[in-house]
Amino acid sequence: MQTVQISDQAATQLNEMATKKHISTSALIEQLIKNENEEKQPILLTDVIKALPTINVFKGDPVEIQRKMRDEWN
């Protein structure tokens, strides 16, 4: 167990928050630390890609699309 020194104003706010949640101040601090750590989890590029909208232009076989474009030039 450790002792943390905080201002009277912060201690009052901490006590009020803990009282509203019906938990101890130490439990509240642990929750806040846990939430902070969860928010800092890295965002995976695969998750970002999955969230992107589907663009119809890029559907299909890319090689076939190139062939069609080249055929238009002739």
N, C-alpha and C. Protein backbone atom coordinates (compact mmCIF):
# COMPACT_ATOMS: atom_id res chain seq x y z
N MET A 1 0.84 -1.17 0.00
CA MET A 1 0.00 0.00 0.00
C MET A 1 0.89 1.23 0.00
N GLN A 2 0.48 2.22 -0.78
CA GLN A 2 1.24 3.47 -0.86
C GLN A 2 0.34 4.65 -0.53
N THR A 3 0.96 5.72 -0.10
CA THR A 3 0.23 6.94 0.19
C THR A 3 0.50 7.93 -0.94
N VAL A 4 -0.56 8.55 -1.41
CA VAL A 4 -0.45 9.54 -2.48
C VAL A 4 -0.94 10.87 -1.95
N GLN A 5 -0.17 11.91 -2.18
CA GLN A 5 -0.59 13.23 -1.73
C GLN A 5 -1.25 13.96 -2.90
N ILE A 6 -2.47 14.42 -2.67
CA ILE A 6 -3.19 15.20 -3.67
C ILE A 6 -3.80 16.42 -2.99
N SER A 7 -4.20 17.38 -3.77
CA SER A 7 -4.78 18.60 -3.19
C SER A 7 -6.11 18.28 -2.52
N ASP A 8 -6.53 19.17 -1.64
CA ASP A 8 -7.81 18.98 -0.95
C ASP A 8 -8.96 18.95 -1.96
N GLN A 9 -8.87 19.79 -2.97
CA GLN A 9 -9.92 19.85 -3.99
C GLN A 9 -10.02 18.53 -4.75
N ALA A 10 -8.87 17.98 -5.14
CA ALA A 10 -8.87 16.70 -5.85
C ALA A 10 -9.37 15.58 -4.95
N ALA A 11 -9.00 15.62 -3.66
CA ALA A 11 -9.46 14.60 -2.71
C ALA A 11 -10.97 14.66 -2.54
N THR A 12 -11.51 15.86 -2.50
CA THR A 12 -12.96 16.02 -2.38
C THR A 12 -13.66 15.46 -3.60
N GLN A 13 -13.15 15.79 -4.78
CA GLN A 13 -13.74 15.27 -6.01
C GLN A 13 -13.65 13.76 -6.08
N LEU A 14 -12.52 13.22 -5.65
CA LEU A 14 -12.33 11.77 -5.65
C LEU A 14 -13.34 11.10 -4.71
N ASN A 15 -13.51 11.66 -3.53
CA ASN A 15 -14.48 11.11 -2.58
C ASN A 15 -15.91 11.18 -3.13
N GLU A 16 -16.24 12.29 -3.76
CA GLU A 16 -17.59 12.44 -4.33
C GLU A 16 -17.83 11.42 -5.44
N MET A 17 -16.84 11.24 -6.30
CA MET A 17 -16.98 10.27 -7.39
C MET A 17 -17.15 8.86 -6.84
N ALA A 18 -16.35 8.52 -5.84
CA ALA A 18 -16.42 7.18 -5.24
C ALA A 18 -17.76 6.97 -4.56
N THR A 19 -18.26 8.00 -3.90
CA THR A 19 -19.55 7.89 -3.22
C THR A 19 -20.67 7.67 -4.23
N LYS A 20 -20.63 8.38 -5.35
CA LYS A 20 -21.66 8.22 -6.39
C LYS A 20 -21.66 6.81 -6.95
N LYS A 21 -20.46 6.20 -7.04
CA LYS A 21 -20.36 4.85 -7.60
C LYS A 21 -20.49 3.77 -6.53
N HIS A 22 -20.60 4.19 -5.29
CA HIS A 22 -20.72 3.26 -4.16
C HIS A 22 -19.53 2.32 -4.06
N ILE A 23 -18.33 2.89 -4.25
CA ILE A 23 -17.09 2.12 -4.12
C ILE A 23 -16.10 2.95 -3.30
N SER A 24 -15.03 2.31 -2.90
CA SER A 24 -14.00 3.03 -2.14
C SER A 24 -13.16 3.89 -3.09
N THR A 25 -12.45 4.85 -2.50
CA THR A 25 -11.60 5.71 -3.33
C THR A 25 -10.48 4.91 -3.97
N SER A 26 -9.95 3.94 -3.27
CA SER A 26 -8.87 3.13 -3.85
C SER A 26 -9.39 2.30 -5.03
N ALA A 27 -10.61 1.78 -4.91
CA ALA A 27 -11.21 1.03 -6.03
C ALA A 27 -11.45 1.95 -7.22
N LEU A 28 -11.87 3.18 -6.94
CA LEU A 28 -12.09 4.14 -8.01
C LEU A 28 -10.79 4.47 -8.73
N ILE A 29 -9.73 4.68 -7.96
CA ILE A 29 -8.42 4.96 -8.57
C ILE A 29 -7.98 3.79 -9.44
N GLU A 30 -8.16 2.58 -8.95
CA GLU A 30 -7.79 1.40 -9.73
C GLU A 30 -8.60 1.33 -11.03
N GLN A 31 -9.89 1.65 -10.97
CA GLN A 31 -10.72 1.67 -12.18
C GLN A 31 -10.22 2.70 -13.18
N LEU A 32 -9.91 3.88 -12.67
CA LEU A 32 -9.44 4.96 -13.54
C LEU A 32 -8.12 4.58 -14.22
N ILE A 33 -7.23 3.96 -13.47
CA ILE A 33 -5.95 3.52 -14.04
C ILE A 33 -6.19 2.44 -15.10
N LYS A 34 -7.06 1.49 -14.79
CA LYS A 34 -7.37 0.42 -15.74
C LYS A 34 -7.96 0.99 -17.03
N ASN A 35 -8.91 1.94 -16.89
CA ASN A 35 -9.52 2.56 -18.07
C ASN A 35 -8.49 3.32 -18.89
N GLU A 36 -7.59 4.01 -18.22
CA GLU A 36 -6.55 4.77 -18.93
C GLU A 36 -5.66 3.83 -19.72
N ASN A 37 -5.28 2.71 -19.13
CA ASN A 37 -4.42 1.74 -19.82
C ASN A 37 -5.13 1.10 -21.00
N GLU A 38 -6.43 0.83 -20.86
CA GLU A 38 -7.18 0.23 -21.96
C GLU A 38 -7.30 1.18 -23.14
N GLU A 39 -7.42 2.47 -22.86
CA GLU A 39 -7.54 3.46 -23.93
C GLU A 39 -6.25 3.59 -24.72
N LYS A 40 -5.13 3.24 -24.12
CA LYS A 40 -3.83 3.40 -24.79
C LYS A 40 -3.43 2.17 -25.59
N GLN A 41 -4.32 1.20 -25.71
CA GLN A 41 -4.01 0.02 -26.50
C GLN A 41 -3.82 0.44 -27.95
N PRO A 42 -2.83 -0.12 -28.63
CA PRO A 42 -2.60 0.29 -30.02
C PRO A 42 -3.76 -0.10 -30.93
N ILE A 43 -4.00 0.72 -31.91
CA ILE A 43 -5.03 0.43 -32.91
C ILE A 43 -4.36 -0.34 -34.03
N LEU A 44 -4.89 -1.49 -34.35
CA LEU A 44 -4.31 -2.32 -35.40
C LEU A 44 -4.74 -1.82 -36.77
N LEU A 45 -3.82 -1.86 -37.71
CA LEU A 45 -4.11 -1.43 -39.07
C LEU A 45 -5.21 -2.29 -39.69
N THR A 46 -5.25 -3.56 -39.34
CA THR A 46 -6.29 -4.43 -39.89
C THR A 46 -7.68 -3.99 -39.42
N ASP A 47 -7.77 -3.48 -38.19
CA ASP A 47 -9.05 -2.97 -37.70
C ASP A 47 -9.47 -1.73 -38.46
N VAL A 48 -8.50 -0.88 -38.77
CA VAL A 48 -8.79 0.34 -39.53
C VAL A 48 -9.26 -0.02 -40.93
N ILE A 49 -8.60 -0.97 -41.56
CA ILE A 49 -8.96 -1.38 -42.92
C ILE A 49 -10.35 -2.00 -42.95
N LYS A 50 -10.68 -2.78 -41.95
CA LYS A 50 -12.01 -3.39 -41.90
C LYS A 50 -13.11 -2.34 -41.78
N ALA A 51 -12.79 -1.21 -41.17
CA ALA A 51 -13.78 -0.15 -40.96
C ALA A 51 -13.95 0.74 -42.19
N LEU A 52 -13.06 0.62 -43.17
CA LEU A 52 -13.15 1.46 -44.36
C LEU A 52 -14.35 1.06 -45.22
N PRO A 53 -14.95 2.02 -45.90
CA PRO A 53 -16.07 1.68 -46.78
C PRO A 53 -15.58 0.92 -48.01
N THR A 54 -16.44 0.12 -48.59
CA THR A 54 -16.11 -0.62 -49.80
C THR A 54 -16.28 0.28 -51.00
N ILE A 55 -15.27 0.30 -51.86
CA ILE A 55 -15.32 1.13 -53.06
C ILE A 55 -15.50 0.20 -54.26
N ASN A 56 -16.57 0.39 -54.99
CA ASN A 56 -16.90 -0.51 -56.11
C ASN A 56 -15.85 -0.50 -57.20
N VAL A 57 -15.12 0.58 -57.35
CA VAL A 57 -14.12 0.67 -58.40
C VAL A 57 -13.05 -0.39 -58.23
N PHE A 58 -12.74 -0.74 -56.99
CA PHE A 58 -11.66 -1.68 -56.74
C PHE A 58 -12.13 -3.13 -56.59
N LYS A 59 -13.39 -3.39 -56.89
CA LYS A 59 -13.87 -4.76 -56.83
C LYS A 59 -13.45 -5.50 -58.09
N GLY A 60 -13.29 -6.79 -58.00
CA GLY A 60 -12.96 -7.60 -59.16
C GLY A 60 -11.48 -7.91 -59.23
N ASP A 61 -11.09 -8.46 -60.37
CA ASP A 61 -9.72 -8.88 -60.60
C ASP A 61 -8.90 -7.68 -61.09
N PRO A 62 -7.87 -7.26 -60.35
CA PRO A 62 -7.10 -6.09 -60.75
C PRO A 62 -6.39 -6.27 -62.09
N VAL A 63 -5.94 -7.48 -62.39
CA VAL A 63 -5.27 -7.73 -63.67
C VAL A 63 -6.25 -7.56 -64.83
N GLU A 64 -7.46 -8.03 -64.64
CA GLU A 64 -8.49 -7.89 -65.68
C GLU A 64 -8.84 -6.42 -65.89
N ILE A 65 -8.89 -5.68 -64.83
CA ILE A 65 -9.16 -4.24 -64.95
C ILE A 65 -8.06 -3.57 -65.76
N GLN A 66 -6.79 -3.95 -65.51
CA GLN A 66 -5.67 -3.39 -66.28
C GLN A 66 -5.79 -3.75 -67.76
N ARG A 67 -6.14 -4.98 -68.04
CA ARG A 67 -6.29 -5.42 -69.44
C ARG A 67 -7.36 -4.60 -70.16
N LYS A 68 -8.49 -4.39 -69.50
CA LYS A 68 -9.56 -3.61 -70.10
C LYS A 68 -9.11 -2.18 -70.38
N MET A 69 -8.37 -1.61 -69.43
CA MET A 69 -7.88 -0.24 -69.63
C MET A 69 -6.89 -0.17 -70.78
N ARG A 70 -6.01 -1.16 -70.89
CA ARG A 70 -5.04 -1.18 -71.99
C ARG A 70 -5.75 -1.39 -73.33
N ASP A 71 -6.79 -2.22 -73.33
CA ASP A 71 -7.55 -2.45 -74.57
C ASP A 71 -8.21 -1.16 -75.02
N GLU A 72 -8.61 -0.30 -74.10
CA GLU A 72 -9.23 0.97 -74.48
C GLU A 72 -8.23 1.90 -75.19
N TRP A 73 -6.95 1.73 -74.93
CA TRP A 73 -5.95 2.60 -75.52
C TRP A 73 -5.70 2.22 -77.00
N ASN A 74 -6.01 1.02 -77.36
CA ASN A 74 -5.71 0.57 -78.75
C ASN A 74 -6.80 0.95 -79.71
